[in-house]
Amino acid sequence: MTKLAYQPHQIKRHQLQPLKDSVIVSDMVFDSRITTSGIIIPNDNGKSTGIRPRWGQVYAVGPEQLDVIPGQWICIEHGRWTRGIDVEDENGKITLRRVDPKDIMMMSDDKPNDDTFSTAIHVEAKPEWMQHN
């Protein structure tokens, strides 16, 4: 049996009250991704590879936060979140992060499909006479 160096903090959702306009998120994904066309986008390893915006589900908001509500999904500019803290609530173990509210780019009521962002380089289209039909 493996023993963890630490145990997640035990909380109940109603016990967590962010301050001011703070936004706390869960369910951020940092793994490598493969797009529908087969392009591999590496995970964020602290270097330039894997740098991209991330989606997270709003877990809790402060009393002054008027833009988003718990349960919504938000897209945050790269790196505008904290490292996170592991907690265990009535739904199980999760990692919570505080995001910078001014760096929220968009929101969705439904979990978004995260294959729309890439690090592709723009390439000029070939002239029509060079294209093969």
N, C-alpha and C. Protein backbone atom coordinates (compact mmCIF):
# COMPACT_ATOMS: atom_id res chain seq x y z
N MET A 1 0.84 -1.18 0.00
CA MET A 1 0.00 0.00 0.00
C MET A 1 0.88 1.24 0.00
N THR A 2 0.65 2.14 -0.96
CA THR A 2 1.42 3.37 -1.07
C THR A 2 0.83 4.43 -0.17
N LYS A 3 1.69 5.10 0.57
CA LYS A 3 1.25 6.15 1.46
C LYS A 3 1.57 7.50 0.83
N LEU A 4 0.61 8.41 0.81
CA LEU A 4 0.83 9.74 0.27
C LEU A 4 1.61 10.57 1.27
N ALA A 5 2.42 11.49 0.75
CA ALA A 5 3.17 12.39 1.63
C ALA A 5 2.23 13.36 2.34
N TYR A 6 1.09 13.59 1.77
CA TYR A 6 0.09 14.47 2.39
C TYR A 6 -1.29 13.99 1.99
N GLN A 7 -2.25 14.36 2.74
CA GLN A 7 -3.64 14.03 2.43
C GLN A 7 -4.34 15.28 1.92
N PRO A 8 -5.28 15.15 0.99
CA PRO A 8 -6.01 16.33 0.54
C PRO A 8 -6.78 16.97 1.69
N HIS A 9 -6.93 18.28 1.63
CA HIS A 9 -7.72 18.99 2.65
C HIS A 9 -9.18 18.55 2.52
N GLN A 10 -9.82 18.29 3.63
CA GLN A 10 -11.22 17.90 3.64
C GLN A 10 -12.08 19.17 3.75
N ILE A 11 -12.95 19.40 2.78
CA ILE A 11 -13.82 20.57 2.82
C ILE A 11 -15.23 20.18 2.41
N LYS A 12 -16.15 21.05 2.70
CA LYS A 12 -17.50 20.97 2.15
C LYS A 12 -17.65 22.20 1.27
N ARG A 13 -18.33 22.05 0.15
CA ARG A 13 -18.43 23.12 -0.84
C ARG A 13 -18.90 24.42 -0.20
N HIS A 14 -19.86 24.36 0.71
CA HIS A 14 -20.40 25.58 1.30
C HIS A 14 -19.42 26.24 2.28
N GLN A 15 -18.34 25.53 2.68
CA GLN A 15 -17.35 26.10 3.59
C GLN A 15 -16.35 27.00 2.87
N LEU A 16 -16.23 26.85 1.56
CA LEU A 16 -15.27 27.61 0.79
C LEU A 16 -15.92 28.90 0.29
N GLN A 17 -15.40 30.05 0.72
CA GLN A 17 -15.93 31.34 0.28
C GLN A 17 -14.78 32.20 -0.24
N PRO A 18 -14.61 32.27 -1.57
CA PRO A 18 -13.57 33.14 -2.12
C PRO A 18 -13.84 34.60 -1.77
N LEU A 19 -12.78 35.40 -1.74
CA LEU A 19 -12.89 36.82 -1.40
C LEU A 19 -13.06 37.68 -2.65
N LYS A 20 -13.69 38.82 -2.47
CA LYS A 20 -13.87 39.85 -3.49
C LYS A 20 -14.36 39.26 -4.81
N ASP A 21 -13.62 39.47 -5.92
CA ASP A 21 -14.08 38.96 -7.21
C ASP A 21 -13.34 37.69 -7.63
N SER A 22 -12.78 36.96 -6.67
CA SER A 22 -12.00 35.76 -6.96
C SER A 22 -12.85 34.69 -7.65
N VAL A 23 -12.16 33.91 -8.49
CA VAL A 23 -12.79 32.79 -9.18
C VAL A 23 -11.94 31.56 -8.90
N ILE A 24 -12.56 30.51 -8.37
CA ILE A 24 -11.89 29.24 -8.09
C ILE A 24 -12.41 28.22 -9.10
N VAL A 25 -11.48 27.50 -9.76
CA VAL A 25 -11.87 26.53 -10.77
C VAL A 25 -11.34 25.15 -10.42
N SER A 26 -11.95 24.15 -11.04
CA SER A 26 -11.50 22.76 -10.96
C SER A 26 -11.48 22.22 -12.39
N ASP A 27 -11.09 20.99 -12.54
CA ASP A 27 -11.15 20.27 -13.81
C ASP A 27 -10.33 20.89 -14.93
N MET A 28 -9.19 21.51 -14.60
CA MET A 28 -8.28 21.96 -15.65
C MET A 28 -7.44 20.76 -16.10
N VAL A 29 -7.23 20.63 -17.39
CA VAL A 29 -6.50 19.49 -17.95
C VAL A 29 -5.14 19.97 -18.45
N PHE A 30 -4.08 19.27 -18.03
CA PHE A 30 -2.73 19.64 -18.42
C PHE A 30 -2.02 18.54 -19.19
N ASP A 31 -2.74 17.51 -19.62
CA ASP A 31 -2.14 16.41 -20.36
C ASP A 31 -1.90 16.80 -21.81
N SER A 32 -1.09 15.99 -22.51
CA SER A 32 -0.93 16.15 -23.94
C SER A 32 -2.27 15.89 -24.61
N ARG A 33 -2.46 16.50 -25.78
CA ARG A 33 -3.70 16.30 -26.52
C ARG A 33 -3.38 15.90 -27.94
N ILE A 34 -4.29 15.19 -28.56
CA ILE A 34 -4.20 14.88 -29.97
C ILE A 34 -5.45 15.46 -30.62
N THR A 35 -5.25 16.35 -31.60
CA THR A 35 -6.39 16.96 -32.26
C THR A 35 -7.07 15.95 -33.17
N THR A 36 -8.24 16.29 -33.65
CA THR A 36 -8.98 15.37 -34.53
C THR A 36 -8.21 15.08 -35.81
N SER A 37 -7.31 15.97 -36.21
CA SER A 37 -6.52 15.73 -37.41
C SER A 37 -5.22 14.96 -37.12
N GLY A 38 -4.97 14.63 -35.83
CA GLY A 38 -3.82 13.82 -35.48
C GLY A 38 -2.60 14.59 -35.02
N ILE A 39 -2.71 15.91 -34.85
CA ILE A 39 -1.58 16.70 -34.37
C ILE A 39 -1.45 16.53 -32.86
N ILE A 40 -0.24 16.25 -32.39
CA ILE A 40 0.00 16.09 -30.95
C ILE A 40 0.41 17.44 -30.38
N ILE A 41 -0.33 17.91 -29.37
CA ILE A 41 -0.01 19.14 -28.66
C ILE A 41 0.51 18.72 -27.30
N PRO A 42 1.80 18.99 -27.01
CA PRO A 42 2.38 18.51 -25.75
C PRO A 42 1.76 19.17 -24.53
N ASN A 43 2.01 18.53 -23.37
CA ASN A 43 1.55 19.13 -22.12
C ASN A 43 2.41 20.34 -21.80
N ASP A 44 1.99 21.10 -20.83
CA ASP A 44 2.73 22.29 -20.42
C ASP A 44 3.84 21.85 -19.50
N ASN A 45 5.07 21.89 -19.99
CA ASN A 45 6.21 21.42 -19.20
C ASN A 45 7.04 22.57 -18.65
N GLY A 46 6.47 23.76 -18.60
CA GLY A 46 7.21 24.91 -18.10
C GLY A 46 8.09 25.56 -19.14
N LYS A 47 8.05 25.06 -20.37
CA LYS A 47 8.80 25.66 -21.47
C LYS A 47 7.79 26.20 -22.46
N SER A 48 8.23 26.50 -23.66
CA SER A 48 7.31 27.10 -24.63
C SER A 48 6.33 26.08 -25.21
N THR A 49 6.66 24.78 -25.16
CA THR A 49 5.72 23.80 -25.68
C THR A 49 4.55 23.64 -24.73
N GLY A 50 3.39 23.48 -25.27
CA GLY A 50 2.20 23.27 -24.45
C GLY A 50 1.56 24.55 -23.95
N ILE A 51 2.12 25.70 -24.32
CA ILE A 51 1.54 26.97 -23.87
C ILE A 51 0.26 27.21 -24.67
N ARG A 52 -0.83 27.32 -23.96
CA ARG A 52 -2.13 27.57 -24.58
C ARG A 52 -3.13 27.93 -23.50
N PRO A 53 -4.25 28.53 -23.88
CA PRO A 53 -5.30 28.78 -22.90
C PRO A 53 -5.86 27.45 -22.40
N ARG A 54 -6.46 27.46 -21.24
CA ARG A 54 -7.05 26.24 -20.65
C ARG A 54 -8.48 26.53 -20.22
N TRP A 55 -9.29 25.49 -20.25
CA TRP A 55 -10.65 25.55 -19.73
C TRP A 55 -10.66 25.00 -18.32
N GLY A 56 -11.50 25.56 -17.48
CA GLY A 56 -11.71 25.07 -16.13
C GLY A 56 -13.16 25.30 -15.75
N GLN A 57 -13.67 24.47 -14.86
CA GLN A 57 -15.05 24.63 -14.41
C GLN A 57 -15.07 25.47 -13.14
N VAL A 58 -15.92 26.49 -13.13
CA VAL A 58 -16.01 27.38 -11.98
C VAL A 58 -16.55 26.58 -10.80
N TYR A 59 -15.78 26.57 -9.72
CA TYR A 59 -16.14 25.83 -8.51
C TYR A 59 -16.82 26.76 -7.51
N ALA A 60 -16.26 27.98 -7.36
CA ALA A 60 -16.81 28.96 -6.42
C ALA A 60 -16.37 30.35 -6.86
N VAL A 61 -17.15 31.36 -6.50
CA VAL A 61 -16.80 32.74 -6.82
C VAL A 61 -16.99 33.61 -5.59
N GLY A 62 -16.25 34.73 -5.57
CA GLY A 62 -16.38 35.69 -4.49
C GLY A 62 -17.64 36.53 -4.66
N PRO A 63 -18.04 37.24 -3.61
CA PRO A 63 -19.29 38.01 -3.64
C PRO A 63 -19.30 39.17 -4.64
N GLU A 64 -18.13 39.64 -5.05
CA GLU A 64 -18.08 40.74 -6.02
C GLU A 64 -17.94 40.27 -7.46
N GLN A 65 -17.88 38.97 -7.68
CA GLN A 65 -17.73 38.43 -9.03
C GLN A 65 -19.09 38.42 -9.72
N LEU A 66 -19.23 39.18 -10.80
CA LEU A 66 -20.51 39.31 -11.50
C LEU A 66 -20.51 38.69 -12.89
N ASP A 67 -19.36 38.22 -13.36
CA ASP A 67 -19.27 37.72 -14.73
C ASP A 67 -19.55 36.23 -14.89
N VAL A 68 -19.19 35.43 -13.90
CA VAL A 68 -19.36 33.97 -14.01
C VAL A 68 -19.98 33.43 -12.73
N ILE A 69 -20.56 32.24 -12.84
CA ILE A 69 -21.18 31.59 -11.69
C ILE A 69 -20.68 30.14 -11.60
N PRO A 70 -20.74 29.53 -10.42
CA PRO A 70 -20.32 28.13 -10.29
C PRO A 70 -21.06 27.23 -11.26
N GLY A 71 -20.30 26.28 -11.83
CA GLY A 71 -20.85 25.34 -12.80
C GLY A 71 -20.52 25.70 -14.23
N GLN A 72 -20.26 26.96 -14.52
CA GLN A 72 -19.91 27.36 -15.88
C GLN A 72 -18.47 26.95 -16.17
N TRP A 73 -18.14 26.86 -17.46
CA TRP A 73 -16.79 26.58 -17.92
C TRP A 73 -16.19 27.88 -18.43
N ILE A 74 -14.95 28.16 -18.04
CA ILE A 74 -14.29 29.38 -18.48
C ILE A 74 -12.95 29.04 -19.13
N CYS A 75 -12.58 29.83 -20.13
CA CYS A 75 -11.30 29.69 -20.79
C CYS A 75 -10.40 30.81 -20.27
N ILE A 76 -9.23 30.43 -19.77
CA ILE A 76 -8.32 31.36 -19.11
C ILE A 76 -7.03 31.46 -19.92
N GLU A 77 -6.52 32.69 -20.04
CA GLU A 77 -5.23 32.89 -20.71
C GLU A 77 -4.17 32.03 -20.05
N HIS A 78 -3.20 31.58 -20.84
CA HIS A 78 -2.16 30.68 -20.33
C HIS A 78 -1.43 31.27 -19.13
N GLY A 79 -1.30 30.45 -18.10
CA GLY A 79 -0.51 30.81 -16.93
C GLY A 79 -1.17 31.75 -15.94
N ARG A 80 -2.43 32.08 -16.15
CA ARG A 80 -3.11 33.03 -15.27
C ARG A 80 -3.91 32.30 -14.20
N TRP A 81 -3.30 31.27 -13.62
CA TRP A 81 -3.91 30.49 -12.54
C TRP A 81 -2.82 30.09 -11.56
N THR A 82 -3.24 29.72 -10.34
CA THR A 82 -2.28 29.28 -9.33
C THR A 82 -1.95 27.81 -9.54
N ARG A 83 -0.97 27.33 -8.82
CA ARG A 83 -0.58 25.92 -8.92
C ARG A 83 -1.68 24.98 -8.47
N GLY A 84 -2.46 25.37 -7.52
CA GLY A 84 -3.58 24.54 -7.09
C GLY A 84 -3.37 23.89 -5.75
N ILE A 85 -4.47 23.49 -5.18
CA ILE A 85 -4.47 22.80 -3.90
C ILE A 85 -5.41 21.60 -4.02
N ASP A 86 -4.95 20.46 -3.55
CA ASP A 86 -5.78 19.25 -3.60
C ASP A 86 -6.74 19.25 -2.42
N VAL A 87 -8.00 19.06 -2.72
CA VAL A 87 -9.02 18.99 -1.68
C VAL A 87 -9.90 17.77 -1.94
N GLU A 88 -10.63 17.40 -0.93
CA GLU A 88 -11.61 16.33 -1.07
C GLU A 88 -12.92 16.87 -0.53
N ASP A 89 -13.93 16.89 -1.41
CA ASP A 89 -15.26 17.34 -0.98
C ASP A 89 -16.22 16.17 -1.09
N GLU A 90 -17.49 16.47 -1.01
CA GLU A 90 -18.50 15.40 -1.06
C GLU A 90 -18.52 14.64 -2.39
N ASN A 91 -17.86 15.20 -3.43
CA ASN A 91 -17.80 14.55 -4.74
C ASN A 91 -16.49 13.79 -4.99
N GLY A 92 -15.52 13.89 -4.07
CA GLY A 92 -14.25 13.20 -4.23
C GLY A 92 -13.08 14.17 -4.28
N LYS A 93 -11.91 13.66 -4.68
CA LYS A 93 -10.69 14.46 -4.72
C LYS A 93 -10.66 15.31 -5.98
N ILE A 94 -10.28 16.59 -5.80
CA ILE A 94 -10.14 17.51 -6.93
C ILE A 94 -9.01 18.48 -6.63
N THR A 95 -8.54 19.14 -7.67
CA THR A 95 -7.55 20.19 -7.51
C THR A 95 -8.22 21.52 -7.82
N LEU A 96 -8.12 22.46 -6.88
CA LEU A 96 -8.70 23.78 -7.06
C LEU A 96 -7.60 24.79 -7.34
N ARG A 97 -7.90 25.73 -8.24
CA ARG A 97 -6.96 26.79 -8.59
C ARG A 97 -7.70 28.12 -8.60
N ARG A 98 -7.01 29.18 -8.20
CA ARG A 98 -7.57 30.52 -8.34
C ARG A 98 -7.10 31.05 -9.68
N VAL A 99 -8.03 31.61 -10.46
CA VAL A 99 -7.68 32.21 -11.74
C VAL A 99 -7.81 33.72 -11.63
N ASP A 100 -7.09 34.42 -12.47
CA ASP A 100 -7.16 35.87 -12.49
C ASP A 100 -8.42 36.26 -13.25
N PRO A 101 -9.40 36.89 -12.59
CA PRO A 101 -10.68 37.19 -13.25
C PRO A 101 -10.54 38.04 -14.50
N LYS A 102 -9.55 38.92 -14.55
CA LYS A 102 -9.42 39.78 -15.73
C LYS A 102 -8.82 39.02 -16.93
N ASP A 103 -8.37 37.79 -16.72
CA ASP A 103 -7.81 37.00 -17.81
C ASP A 103 -8.73 35.88 -18.26
N ILE A 104 -10.01 35.98 -17.91
CA ILE A 104 -11.00 35.05 -18.41
C ILE A 104 -11.37 35.51 -19.82
N MET A 105 -11.16 34.65 -20.81
CA MET A 105 -11.39 35.04 -22.20
C MET A 105 -12.81 34.79 -22.67
N MET A 106 -13.41 33.71 -22.20
CA MET A 106 -14.77 33.36 -22.63
C MET A 106 -15.35 32.36 -21.65
N MET A 107 -16.65 32.13 -21.76
CA MET A 107 -17.31 31.17 -20.89
C MET A 107 -18.32 30.34 -21.67
N SER A 108 -18.67 29.20 -21.09
CA SER A 108 -19.65 28.31 -21.70
C SER A 108 -20.44 27.64 -20.59
N ASP A 109 -21.72 27.44 -20.84
CA ASP A 109 -22.54 26.71 -19.87
C ASP A 109 -22.30 25.21 -19.96
N ASP A 110 -21.81 24.74 -21.10
CA ASP A 110 -21.54 23.32 -21.32
C ASP A 110 -20.04 23.09 -21.40
N LYS A 111 -19.61 21.87 -21.06
CA LYS A 111 -18.18 21.55 -21.15
C LYS A 111 -17.75 21.65 -22.61
N PRO A 112 -16.77 22.51 -22.89
CA PRO A 112 -16.36 22.70 -24.28
C PRO A 112 -15.46 21.59 -24.79
N ASN A 113 -15.47 21.41 -26.10
CA ASN A 113 -14.56 20.50 -26.75
C ASN A 113 -13.25 21.26 -26.90
N ASP A 114 -12.19 20.79 -26.29
CA ASP A 114 -10.94 21.55 -26.18
C ASP A 114 -9.97 21.29 -27.33
N ASP A 115 -10.46 20.99 -28.53
CA ASP A 115 -9.53 20.79 -29.64
C ASP A 115 -9.53 21.98 -30.59
N THR A 116 -10.07 23.13 -30.14
CA THR A 116 -10.13 24.29 -31.01
C THR A 116 -8.88 25.16 -30.93
N PHE A 117 -8.07 25.01 -29.89
CA PHE A 117 -6.86 25.81 -29.75
C PHE A 117 -5.68 24.99 -30.23
N SER A 118 -4.77 25.63 -30.92
CA SER A 118 -3.56 24.94 -31.33
C SER A 118 -2.42 25.94 -31.41
N THR A 119 -1.24 25.41 -31.63
CA THR A 119 -0.07 26.26 -31.80
C THR A 119 0.36 26.26 -33.25
N ALA A 120 -0.59 26.01 -34.15
CA ALA A 120 -0.27 25.93 -35.57
C ALA A 120 0.28 27.26 -36.08
N ILE A 121 1.19 27.17 -37.03
CA ILE A 121 1.77 28.35 -37.65
C ILE A 121 0.96 28.66 -38.89
N HIS A 122 0.63 29.94 -39.07
CA HIS A 122 -0.15 30.34 -40.24
C HIS A 122 0.70 30.18 -41.49
N VAL A 123 0.14 29.53 -42.50
CA VAL A 123 0.83 29.33 -43.77
C VAL A 123 -0.05 29.94 -44.84
N GLU A 124 0.55 30.74 -45.71
CA GLU A 124 -0.21 31.36 -46.80
C GLU A 124 -0.75 30.27 -47.73
N ALA A 125 -1.94 30.49 -48.22
CA ALA A 125 -2.55 29.54 -49.15
C ALA A 125 -1.79 29.58 -50.48
N LYS A 126 -1.72 28.43 -51.12
CA LYS A 126 -1.07 28.35 -52.43
C LYS A 126 -1.95 29.03 -53.47
N PRO A 127 -1.34 29.61 -54.47
CA PRO A 127 -2.17 30.16 -55.56
C PRO A 127 -2.99 29.04 -56.18
N GLU A 128 -4.11 29.41 -56.74
CA GLU A 128 -5.03 28.42 -57.29
C GLU A 128 -4.36 27.53 -58.32
N TRP A 129 -3.46 28.07 -59.14
CA TRP A 129 -2.81 27.28 -60.20
C TRP A 129 -1.87 26.23 -59.64
N MET A 130 -1.44 26.37 -58.35
CA MET A 130 -0.54 25.39 -57.74
C MET A 130 -1.27 24.27 -57.01
N GLN A 131 -2.57 24.45 -56.80
CA GLN A 131 -3.32 23.43 -56.06
C GLN A 131 -3.67 22.26 -56.97
N HIS A 132 -3.60 21.06 -56.40
CA HIS A 132 -3.98 19.86 -57.13
C HIS A 132 -5.41 19.52 -56.81
N ASN A 133 -6.18 19.20 -57.81
CA ASN A 133 -7.59 18.83 -57.62
C ASN A 133 -7.75 17.36 -57.44
